[in-house]
Amino acid sequence: MRDTTPTSRSDDPSPTRRAVLAAAGGGLTLLAGCNTGPSAGDGNGSDTNGSTNGTTGTTDANTTGNGSGGTSTPERDDLETNVSGLFYSSEGRSYTFRVTVERERVTDIGYVEGIVVETAGGDPLGEKSFDGPGPSTRKASFEVNVPEGVTRVVARGVDSLNGRGGVAMATDLDSKAIDAVDQGPEPRSFEDYTVEG
């Protein structure tokens, strides 16, 4: 049976939205219209992001779990590659992931190098590499087979200078909850992490 319910999380790093969310107590969910741009996987443009509401339709969830039970937008380092959008659908154990990553400041030596999707234990499921410096926002879409018994998956950006640190997104494939987690400059373990959504 095919599960076609889209699941996603998107965060906008702009100070204006962050300030609005902070003023609203961090628990605000905003509705958004469609945002068109080049197709997923081209590494350019924007993406339409939505999280399931459990039945039909989608909403744009602009609040994030911080791994400590709260719902605040993680602060981002402009020298790290941060995951800003995660969308996936499934058919059996085959999942299609669309991941958007951003690096605010791109230089000849500091840029988005790739995207990796892995189990909570750190085993790689899928990876996309990009050639050299490019746009500050990159996207990739790829299919991965998730092994039986794996229920939590992590999407991380890969930075040419700073590796897999920065904001990652963890998802529980059963509940479809997604958390954005600021790992800091080094990748953290998600093995014992509980996705709260």
C-alpha atoms as a PDB file:
ATOM      1  CA  MET A   1       0.000   0.000   0.000  1.00  0.00           C
ATOM      2  CA  ARG A   2       1.407   3.363  -1.005  1.00  0.00           C
ATOM      3  CA  ASP A   3       1.562   6.156   1.590  1.00  0.00           C
ATOM      4  CA  THR A   4       1.255   9.347  -0.429  1.00  0.00           C
ATOM      5  CA  THR A   5       0.840  11.660   2.530  1.00  0.00           C
ATOM      6  CA  PRO A   6       3.552  14.316   2.136  1.00  0.00           C
ATOM      7  CA  THR A   7       5.606  15.008   5.216  1.00  0.00           C
ATOM      8  CA  SER A   8       7.883  18.012   5.485  1.00  0.00           C
ATOM      9  CA  ARG A   9       9.408  20.681   7.652  1.00  0.00           C
ATOM     10  CA  SER A  10      10.730  24.040   6.517  1.00  0.00           C
ATOM     11  CA  ASP A  11      12.426  26.820   8.431  1.00  0.00           C
ATOM     12  CA  ASP A  12      13.215  30.282   7.147  1.00  0.00           C
ATOM     13  CA  PRO A  13      16.379  31.739   8.692  1.00  0.00           C
ATOM     14  CA  SER A  14      15.306  35.361   8.206  1.00  0.00           C
ATOM     15  CA  PRO A  15      15.483  37.435  11.385  1.00  0.00           C
ATOM     16  CA  THR A  16      12.052  38.890  10.661  1.00  0.00           C
ATOM     17  CA  ARG A  17      10.264  35.538  10.790  1.00  0.00           C
ATOM     18  CA  ARG A  18      12.377  34.462  13.779  1.00  0.00           C
ATOM     19  CA  ALA A  19      11.415  37.636  15.601  1.00  0.00           C
ATOM     20  CA  VAL A  20       7.732  37.128  14.763  1.00  0.00           C
ATOM     21  CA  LEU A  21       7.836  33.516  15.962  1.00  0.00           C
ATOM     22  CA  ALA A  22       9.663  34.461  19.145  1.00  0.00           C
ATOM     23  CA  ALA A  23       7.120  37.200  19.842  1.00  0.00           C
ATOM     24  CA  ALA A  24       4.290  34.718  19.298  1.00  0.00           C
ATOM     25  CA  GLY A  25       5.771  32.301  21.792  1.00  0.00           C
ATOM     26  CA  GLY A  26       7.410  30.014  19.257  1.00  0.00           C
ATOM     27  CA  GLY A  27       4.361  27.785  18.909  1.00  0.00           C
ATOM     28  CA  LEU A  28       2.764  29.468  15.910  1.00  0.00           C
ATOM     29  CA  THR A  29       1.964  27.486  12.764  1.00  0.00           C
ATOM     30  CA  LEU A  30       1.589  29.631   9.671  1.00  0.00           C
ATOM     31  CA  LEU A  31      -0.360  28.737   6.541  1.00  0.00           C
ATOM     32  CA  ALA A  32       1.445  29.284   3.262  1.00  0.00           C
ATOM     33  CA  GLY A  33       0.506  29.217  -0.393  1.00  0.00           C
ATOM     34  CA  CYS A  34       2.416  27.412  -3.102  1.00  0.00           C
ATOM     35  CA  ASN A  35       5.896  28.630  -3.836  1.00  0.00           C
ATOM     36  CA  THR A  36       7.035  27.768  -7.345  1.00  0.00           C
ATOM     37  CA  GLY A  37      10.570  27.380  -8.565  1.00  0.00           C
ATOM     38  CA  PRO A  38      12.797  25.038 -10.510  1.00  0.00           C
ATOM     39  CA  SER A  39      12.260  21.324 -10.006  1.00  0.00           C
ATOM     40  CA  ALA A  40      13.699  19.495  -7.035  1.00  0.00           C
ATOM     41  CA  GLY A  41      17.172  18.161  -7.538  1.00  0.00           C
ATOM     42  CA  ASP A  42      18.512  21.030  -9.614  1.00  0.00           C
ATOM     43  CA  GLY A  43      20.154  22.701  -6.627  1.00  0.00           C
ATOM     44  CA  ASN A  44      18.549  26.066  -7.339  1.00  0.00           C
ATOM     45  CA  GLY A  45      15.333  27.895  -6.560  1.00  0.00           C
ATOM     46  CA  SER A  46      12.698  27.283  -3.940  1.00  0.00           C
ATOM     47  CA  ASP A  47      10.604  24.395  -2.819  1.00  0.00           C
ATOM     48  CA  THR A  48       7.021  23.975  -1.716  1.00  0.00           C
ATOM     49  CA  ASN A  49       7.073  22.707   1.841  1.00  0.00           C
ATOM     50  CA  GLY A  50       4.222  21.340   3.935  1.00  0.00           C
ATOM     51  CA  SER A  51       3.646  18.972   6.778  1.00  0.00           C
ATOM     52  CA  THR A  52       0.765  16.574   6.943  1.00  0.00           C
ATOM     53  CA  ASN A  53      -2.269  17.508   8.917  1.00  0.00           C
ATOM     54  CA  GLY A  54      -3.201  13.866   9.341  1.00  0.00           C
ATOM     55  CA  THR A  55      -5.944  13.705   6.715  1.00  0.00           C
ATOM     56  CA  THR A  56      -5.848  15.879   3.611  1.00  0.00           C
ATOM     57  CA  GLY A  57      -4.023  18.987   2.496  1.00  0.00           C
ATOM     58  CA  THR A  58      -0.816  20.464   3.801  1.00  0.00           C
ATOM     59  CA  THR A  59       0.308  23.315   5.981  1.00  0.00           C
ATOM     60  CA  ASP A  60       3.661  25.023   6.270  1.00  0.00           C
ATOM     61  CA  ALA A  61       4.976  24.336   9.760  1.00  0.00           C
ATOM     62  CA  ASN A  62       7.417  27.057  10.722  1.00  0.00           C
ATOM     63  CA  THR A  63       8.061  25.967  14.269  1.00  0.00           C
ATOM     64  CA  THR A  64      10.822  23.587  15.185  1.00  0.00           C
ATOM     65  CA  GLY A  65      11.650  21.266  17.995  1.00  0.00           C
ATOM     66  CA  ASN A  66      14.954  22.034  19.632  1.00  0.00           C
ATOM     67  CA  GLY A  67      15.552  18.564  21.012  1.00  0.00           C
ATOM     68  CA  SER A  68      14.693  19.655  24.555  1.00  0.00           C
ATOM     69  CA  GLY A  69      10.923  19.592  24.400  1.00  0.00           C
ATOM     70  CA  GLY A  70      10.547  23.221  23.245  1.00  0.00           C
ATOM     71  CA  THR A  71       9.508  24.675  19.925  1.00  0.00           C
ATOM     72  CA  SER A  72      12.006  27.327  18.951  1.00  0.00           C
ATOM     73  CA  THR A  73      13.787  28.048  15.702  1.00  0.00           C
ATOM     74  CA  PRO A  74      17.441  27.054  16.057  1.00  0.00           C
ATOM     75  CA  GLU A  75      19.964  29.851  15.572  1.00  0.00           C
ATOM     76  CA  ARG A  76      22.020  29.240  12.461  1.00  0.00           C
ATOM     77  CA  ASP A  77      25.697  29.801  11.845  1.00  0.00           C
ATOM     78  CA  ASP A  78      26.271  31.401   8.430  1.00  0.00           C
ATOM     79  CA  LEU A  79      29.405  29.244   8.013  1.00  0.00           C
ATOM     80  CA  GLU A  80      27.552  25.923   8.350  1.00  0.00           C
ATOM     81  CA  THR A  81      25.360  24.020   5.929  1.00  0.00           C
ATOM     82  CA  ASN A  82      21.888  23.755   7.482  1.00  0.00           C
ATOM     83  CA  VAL A  83      18.933  21.586   6.478  1.00  0.00           C
ATOM     84  CA  SER A  84      16.012  23.948   5.892  1.00  0.00           C
ATOM     85  CA  GLY A  85      13.456  21.618   4.307  1.00  0.00           C
ATOM     86  CA  LEU A  86      12.589  17.928   4.445  1.00  0.00           C
ATOM     87  CA  PHE A  87       9.820  16.271   2.459  1.00  0.00           C
ATOM     88  CA  TYR A  88       9.273  12.555   2.000  1.00  0.00           C
ATOM     89  CA  SER A  89       6.775  10.005   0.813  1.00  0.00           C
ATOM     90  CA  SER A  90       6.865   6.219   0.851  1.00  0.00           C
ATOM     91  CA  GLU A  91       5.768   3.070  -0.879  1.00  0.00           C
ATOM     92  CA  GLY A  92       6.438   0.166   1.438  1.00  0.00           C
ATOM     93  CA  ARG A  93      10.026   0.511   2.713  1.00  0.00           C
ATOM     94  CA  SER A  94      11.048   2.636  -0.298  1.00  0.00           C
ATOM     95  CA  TYR A  95      11.126   6.336   0.587  1.00  0.00           C
ATOM     96  CA  THR A  96      11.605   9.348  -1.651  1.00  0.00           C
ATOM     97  CA  PHE A  97      13.319  12.163   0.254  1.00  0.00           C
ATOM     98  CA  ARG A  98      13.537  15.771  -0.940  1.00  0.00           C
ATOM     99  CA  VAL A  99      15.985  17.727   1.164  1.00  0.00           C
ATOM    100  CA  THR A 100      16.836  21.432   0.987  1.00  0.00           C
ATOM    101  CA  VAL A 101      20.045  22.765   2.527  1.00  0.00           C
ATOM    102  CA  GLU A 102      21.360  26.313   2.870  1.00  0.00           C
ATOM    103  CA  ARG A 103      24.631  28.049   3.647  1.00  0.00           C
ATOM    104  CA  GLU A 104      24.218  31.784   4.164  1.00  0.00           C
ATOM    105  CA  ARG A 105      27.770  32.701   3.209  1.00  0.00           C
ATOM    106  CA  VAL A 106      29.262  30.881   0.190  1.00  0.00           C
ATOM    107  CA  THR A 107      32.951  31.323  -0.699  1.00  0.00           C
ATOM    108  CA  ASP A 108      35.411  29.559  -2.982  1.00  0.00           C
ATOM    109  CA  ILE A 109      36.360  27.225  -0.158  1.00  0.00           C
ATOM    110  CA  GLY A 110      33.215  27.290   2.029  1.00  0.00           C
ATOM    111  CA  TYR A 111      30.095  25.927   0.337  1.00  0.00           C
ATOM    112  CA  VAL A 112      27.349  23.284   0.389  1.00  0.00           C
ATOM    113  CA  GLU A 113      29.128  20.068  -0.509  1.00  0.00           C
ATOM    114  CA  GLY A 114      26.250  17.626  -0.213  1.00  0.00           C
ATOM    115  CA  ILE A 115      23.284  16.091   1.572  1.00  0.00           C
ATOM    116  CA  VAL A 116      23.152  12.794   3.459  1.00  0.00           C
ATOM    117  CA  VAL A 117      20.164  10.831   4.779  1.00  0.00           C
ATOM    118  CA  GLU A 118      21.056   8.288   7.453  1.00  0.00           C
ATOM    119  CA  THR A 119      19.554   6.176  10.190  1.00  0.00           C
ATOM    120  CA  ALA A 120      19.449   7.607  13.711  1.00  0.00           C
ATOM    121  CA  GLY A 121      22.421   5.339  14.422  1.00  0.00           C
ATOM    122  CA  GLY A 122      24.473   7.021  11.665  1.00  0.00           C
ATOM    123  CA  ASP A 123      24.289   4.359   8.939  1.00  0.00           C
ATOM    124  CA  PRO A 124      24.059   6.084   5.520  1.00  0.00           C
ATOM    125  CA  LEU A 125      20.915   5.454   3.466  1.00  0.00           C
ATOM    126  CA  GLY A 126      21.451   7.957   0.639  1.00  0.00           C
ATOM    127  CA  GLU A 127      23.798  10.762  -0.288  1.00  0.00           C
ATOM    128  CA  LYS A 128      24.021  13.522  -2.900  1.00  0.00           C
ATOM    129  CA  SER A 129      27.244  15.427  -3.630  1.00  0.00           C
ATOM    130  CA  PHE A 130      27.500  18.794  -5.370  1.00  0.00           C
ATOM    131  CA  ASP A 131      30.422  19.991  -7.488  1.00  0.00           C
ATOM    132  CA  GLY A 132      32.222  23.000  -6.024  1.00  0.00           C
ATOM    133  CA  PRO A 133      30.774  26.331  -4.945  1.00  0.00           C
ATOM    134  CA  GLY A 134      27.275  27.058  -6.159  1.00  0.00           C
ATOM    135  CA  PRO A 135      24.085  28.694  -4.974  1.00  0.00           C
ATOM    136  CA  SER A 136      23.544  29.175  -1.253  1.00  0.00           C
ATOM    137  CA  THR A 137      20.471  26.903  -1.417  1.00  0.00           C
ATOM    138  CA  ARG A 138      20.733  23.391  -2.821  1.00  0.00           C
ATOM    139  CA  LYS A 139      18.179  20.588  -3.128  1.00  0.00           C
ATOM    140  CA  ALA A 140      18.314  16.893  -3.796  1.00  0.00           C
ATOM    141  CA  SER A 141      15.668  14.270  -4.322  1.00  0.00           C
ATOM    142  CA  PHE A 142      16.510  10.592  -4.044  1.00  0.00           C
ATOM    143  CA  GLU A 143      14.987   7.233  -3.219  1.00  0.00           C
ATOM    144  CA  VAL A 144      16.287   5.113  -0.390  1.00  0.00           C
ATOM    145  CA  ASN A 145      15.296   1.718   0.935  1.00  0.00           C
ATOM    146  CA  VAL A 146      14.880   1.953   4.676  1.00  0.00           C
ATOM    147  CA  PRO A 147      15.678  -1.353   6.400  1.00  0.00           C
ATOM    148  CA  GLU A 148      12.949  -3.123   8.373  1.00  0.00           C
ATOM    149  CA  GLY A 149      12.953  -1.944  11.999  1.00  0.00           C
ATOM    150  CA  VAL A 150      14.415   1.509  11.239  1.00  0.00           C
ATOM    151  CA  THR A 151      11.863   4.107  12.317  1.00  0.00           C
ATOM    152  CA  ARG A 152      13.978   7.264  12.701  1.00  0.00           C
ATOM    153  CA  VAL A 153      15.942   8.954   9.921  1.00  0.00           C
ATOM    154  CA  VAL A 154      18.187  12.048   9.928  1.00  0.00           C
ATOM    155  CA  ALA A 155      18.915  14.449   7.048  1.00  0.00           C
ATOM    156  CA  ARG A 156      22.168  16.422   7.330  1.00  0.00           C
ATOM    157  CA  GLY A 157      23.867  18.991   5.154  1.00  0.00           C
ATOM    158  CA  VAL A 158      27.517  18.437   4.299  1.00  0.00           C
ATOM    159  CA  ASP A 159      29.719  21.540   4.329  1.00  0.00           C
ATOM    160  CA  SER A 160      33.065  21.763   2.524  1.00  0.00           C
ATOM    161  CA  LEU A 161      34.761  23.218   5.611  1.00  0.00           C
ATOM    162  CA  ASN A 162      32.642  22.130   8.554  1.00  0.00           C
ATOM    163  CA  GLY A 163      31.429  18.634   7.661  1.00  0.00           C
ATOM    164  CA  ARG A 164      28.021  17.490   8.939  1.00  0.00           C
ATOM    165  CA  GLY A 165      27.412  19.978  11.752  1.00  0.00           C
ATOM    166  CA  GLY A 166      24.732  22.691  11.666  1.00  0.00           C
ATOM    167  CA  VAL A 167      20.966  22.243  11.681  1.00  0.00           C
ATOM    168  CA  ALA A 168      19.837  18.683  10.871  1.00  0.00           C
ATOM    169  CA  MET A 169      16.293  17.351  10.590  1.00  0.00           C
ATOM    170  CA  ALA A 170      15.259  14.139  12.332  1.00  0.00           C
ATOM    171  CA  THR A 171      12.028  12.361  11.493  1.00  0.00           C
ATOM    172  CA  ASP A 172      10.049   9.512  12.957  1.00  0.00           C
ATOM    173  CA  LEU A 173       8.762   7.535   9.953  1.00  0.00           C
ATOM    174  CA  ASP A 174       5.871   6.051  11.953  1.00  0.00           C
ATOM    175  CA  SER A 175       4.447   9.238  13.465  1.00  0.00           C
ATOM    176  CA  LYS A 176       5.749  11.490  10.622  1.00  0.00           C
ATOM    177  CA  ALA A 177       6.941  14.006  13.208  1.00  0.00           C
ATOM    178  CA  ILE A 178       9.954  16.104  12.174  1.00  0.00           C
ATOM    179  CA  ASP A 179      12.342  18.077  14.392  1.00  0.00           C
ATOM    180  CA  ALA A 180      14.971  20.591  13.290  1.00  0.00           C
ATOM    181  CA  VAL A 181      17.926  20.200  15.644  1.00  0.00           C
ATOM    182  CA  ASP A 182      20.886  22.575  15.878  1.00  0.00           C
ATOM    183  CA  GLN A 183      23.794  20.183  16.330  1.00  0.00           C
ATOM    184  CA  GLY A 184      26.372  22.947  16.688  1.00  0.00           C
ATOM    185  CA  PRO A 185      29.600  22.739  14.694  1.00  0.00           C
ATOM    186  CA  GLU A 186      29.945  18.948  15.083  1.00  0.00           C
ATOM    187  CA  PRO A 187      27.447  16.237  14.120  1.00  0.00           C
ATOM    188  CA  ARG A 188      25.567  14.811  17.083  1.00  0.00           C
ATOM    189  CA  SER A 189      24.281  11.307  17.654  1.00  0.00           C
ATOM    190  CA  PHE A 190      20.551  10.775  17.167  1.00  0.00           C
ATOM    191  CA  GLU A 191      20.581   7.170  18.383  1.00  0.00           C
ATOM    192  CA  ASP A 192      18.749   7.993  21.630  1.00  0.00           C
ATOM    193  CA  TYR A 193      16.913  11.065  20.308  1.00  0.00           C
ATOM    194  CA  THR A 194      13.100  11.123  20.469  1.00  0.00           C
ATOM    195  CA  VAL A 195      11.441  13.031  17.633  1.00  0.00           C
ATOM    196  CA  GLU A 196       8.682  15.156  19.129  1.00  0.00           C
ATOM    197  CA  GLY A 197       7.494  17.101  16.066  1.00  0.00           C
END
